[in-house]
């Protein structure tokens, strides 16, 4: 979408704030990709969970099966 009105400096066509909805592996990957590509504006990642993004598939297999500790599911170390 090319419309940048109210979301940044129209002179450079780049938004200065981005909101990523969904604190999943995909949401985290989107934020990391933006940073990796040089985006230096504000990034906000929101989700319904009270904890940081985690790796969901192993939750039902490894954690509930008592093979992993829940802390191992974190996709990134706490900041």
C-alpha atoms as a PDB file:
ATOM      1  CA  UNK A   1       0.000   0.000   0.000  1.00  0.00           C
ATOM      2  CA  UNK A   2       1.507   3.296  -1.054  1.00  0.00           C
ATOM      3  CA  UNK A   3      -0.483   5.573   1.269  1.00  0.00           C
ATOM      4  CA  UNK A   4       1.852   6.963   3.942  1.00  0.00           C
ATOM      5  CA  UNK A   5      -0.318   9.845   5.131  1.00  0.00           C
ATOM      6  CA  UNK A   6       0.063  10.343   8.873  1.00  0.00           C
ATOM      7  CA  UNK A   7       2.586   7.526   9.178  1.00  0.00           C
ATOM      8  CA  UNK A   8       5.933   9.051   8.471  1.00  0.00           C
ATOM      9  CA  UNK A   9       7.842  11.461   6.316  1.00  0.00           C
ATOM     10  CA  UNK A  10       6.162  11.583   2.893  1.00  0.00           C
ATOM     11  CA  UNK A  11       9.427  12.866   1.422  1.00  0.00           C
ATOM     12  CA  UNK A  12      11.114   9.488   1.776  1.00  0.00           C
ATOM     13  CA  UNK A  13       7.971   7.345   1.480  1.00  0.00           C
ATOM     14  CA  UNK A  14       8.858   5.310   4.577  1.00  0.00           C
ATOM     15  CA  UNK A  15       6.661   4.780   7.603  1.00  0.00           C
ATOM     16  CA  UNK A  16       8.315   5.705  10.889  1.00  0.00           C
ATOM     17  CA  UNK A  17       6.135   3.418  12.992  1.00  0.00           C
ATOM     18  CA  UNK A  18       5.042  -0.123  12.227  1.00  0.00           C
ATOM     19  CA  UNK A  19       2.639  -2.228  14.273  1.00  0.00           C
ATOM     20  CA  UNK A  20       2.910  -6.003  13.874  1.00  0.00           C
ATOM     21  CA  UNK A  21      -0.181  -7.786  15.172  1.00  0.00           C
ATOM     22  CA  UNK A  22       0.459 -11.333  16.334  1.00  0.00           C
ATOM     23  CA  UNK A  23       3.347 -12.210  18.639  1.00  0.00           C
ATOM     24  CA  UNK A  24       3.999 -15.517  16.914  1.00  0.00           C
ATOM     25  CA  UNK A  25       7.055 -16.874  15.127  1.00  0.00           C
ATOM     26  CA  UNK A  26       5.813 -15.080  11.981  1.00  0.00           C
ATOM     27  CA  UNK A  27       5.370 -11.776  13.826  1.00  0.00           C
ATOM     28  CA  UNK A  28       8.834 -12.039  15.332  1.00  0.00           C
ATOM     29  CA  UNK A  29      10.295 -12.925  11.915  1.00  0.00           C
ATOM     30  CA  UNK A  30       8.617  -9.859  10.384  1.00  0.00           C
ATOM     31  CA  UNK A  31      10.150  -7.577  13.020  1.00  0.00           C
ATOM     32  CA  UNK A  32      13.592  -9.178  12.693  1.00  0.00           C
ATOM     33  CA  UNK A  33      13.458  -8.921   8.894  1.00  0.00           C
ATOM     34  CA  UNK A  34      12.559  -5.237   9.039  1.00  0.00           C
ATOM     35  CA  UNK A  35      15.505  -4.561  11.376  1.00  0.00           C
ATOM     36  CA  UNK A  36      17.816  -6.716   9.279  1.00  0.00           C
ATOM     37  CA  UNK A  37      16.865  -4.758   6.158  1.00  0.00           C
ATOM     38  CA  UNK A  38      17.757  -1.486   7.876  1.00  0.00           C
ATOM     39  CA  UNK A  39      14.385  -0.199   9.073  1.00  0.00           C
ATOM     40  CA  UNK A  40      15.190   2.156  11.959  1.00  0.00           C
ATOM     41  CA  UNK A  41      11.713   3.408  12.870  1.00  0.00           C
ATOM     42  CA  UNK A  42       9.563   2.302  15.782  1.00  0.00           C
ATOM     43  CA  UNK A  43       8.416  -1.335  15.724  1.00  0.00           C
ATOM     44  CA  UNK A  44       5.697  -2.597  18.032  1.00  0.00           C
ATOM     45  CA  UNK A  45       4.846  -6.299  18.288  1.00  0.00           C
ATOM     46  CA  UNK A  46       1.542  -7.063  20.016  1.00  0.00           C
ATOM     47  CA  UNK A  47      -0.220 -10.264  20.902  1.00  0.00           C
ATOM     48  CA  UNK A  48      -2.795 -11.587  23.325  1.00  0.00           C
ATOM     49  CA  UNK A  49      -0.261 -13.616  25.305  1.00  0.00           C
ATOM     50  CA  UNK A  50       1.292 -12.309  28.509  1.00  0.00           C
ATOM     51  CA  UNK A  51       4.678 -13.804  27.590  1.00  0.00           C
ATOM     52  CA  UNK A  52       7.200 -13.380  24.793  1.00  0.00           C
ATOM     53  CA  UNK A  53       6.798 -15.198  21.441  1.00  0.00           C
ATOM     54  CA  UNK A  54       7.378 -18.928  21.737  1.00  0.00           C
ATOM     55  CA  UNK A  55       7.733 -21.960  19.479  1.00  0.00           C
ATOM     56  CA  UNK A  56       4.215 -23.423  19.423  1.00  0.00           C
ATOM     57  CA  UNK A  57       4.613 -26.911  17.838  1.00  0.00           C
ATOM     58  CA  UNK A  58       6.879 -28.274  20.605  1.00  0.00           C
ATOM     59  CA  UNK A  59       4.424 -27.070  23.259  1.00  0.00           C
ATOM     60  CA  UNK A  60       2.098 -30.010  22.748  1.00  0.00           C
ATOM     61  CA  UNK A  61       4.793 -32.580  22.053  1.00  0.00           C
ATOM     62  CA  UNK A  62       7.875 -31.828  24.126  1.00  0.00           C
ATOM     63  CA  UNK A  63       6.572 -29.704  27.014  1.00  0.00           C
ATOM     64  CA  UNK A  64       3.291 -31.447  27.692  1.00  0.00           C
ATOM     65  CA  UNK A  65       5.114 -34.755  27.289  1.00  0.00           C
ATOM     66  CA  UNK A  66       7.593 -33.591  29.981  1.00  0.00           C
ATOM     67  CA  UNK A  67      10.588 -33.856  27.636  1.00  0.00           C
ATOM     68  CA  UNK A  68      11.331 -30.093  27.625  1.00  0.00           C
ATOM     69  CA  UNK A  69      11.129 -27.352  30.212  1.00  0.00           C
ATOM     70  CA  UNK A  70       8.700 -24.560  29.162  1.00  0.00           C
ATOM     71  CA  UNK A  71      11.555 -22.022  29.078  1.00  0.00           C
ATOM     72  CA  UNK A  72      13.016 -23.854  26.087  1.00  0.00           C
ATOM     73  CA  UNK A  73      10.094 -22.692  23.915  1.00  0.00           C
ATOM     74  CA  UNK A  74      11.167 -19.028  23.908  1.00  0.00           C
ATOM     75  CA  UNK A  75      12.121 -17.859  20.423  1.00  0.00           C
ATOM     76  CA  UNK A  76      14.477 -15.209  21.858  1.00  0.00           C
ATOM     77  CA  UNK A  77      16.114 -14.591  25.218  1.00  0.00           C
ATOM     78  CA  UNK A  78      14.314 -12.059  27.441  1.00  0.00           C
ATOM     79  CA  UNK A  79      15.419  -8.476  26.810  1.00  0.00           C
END
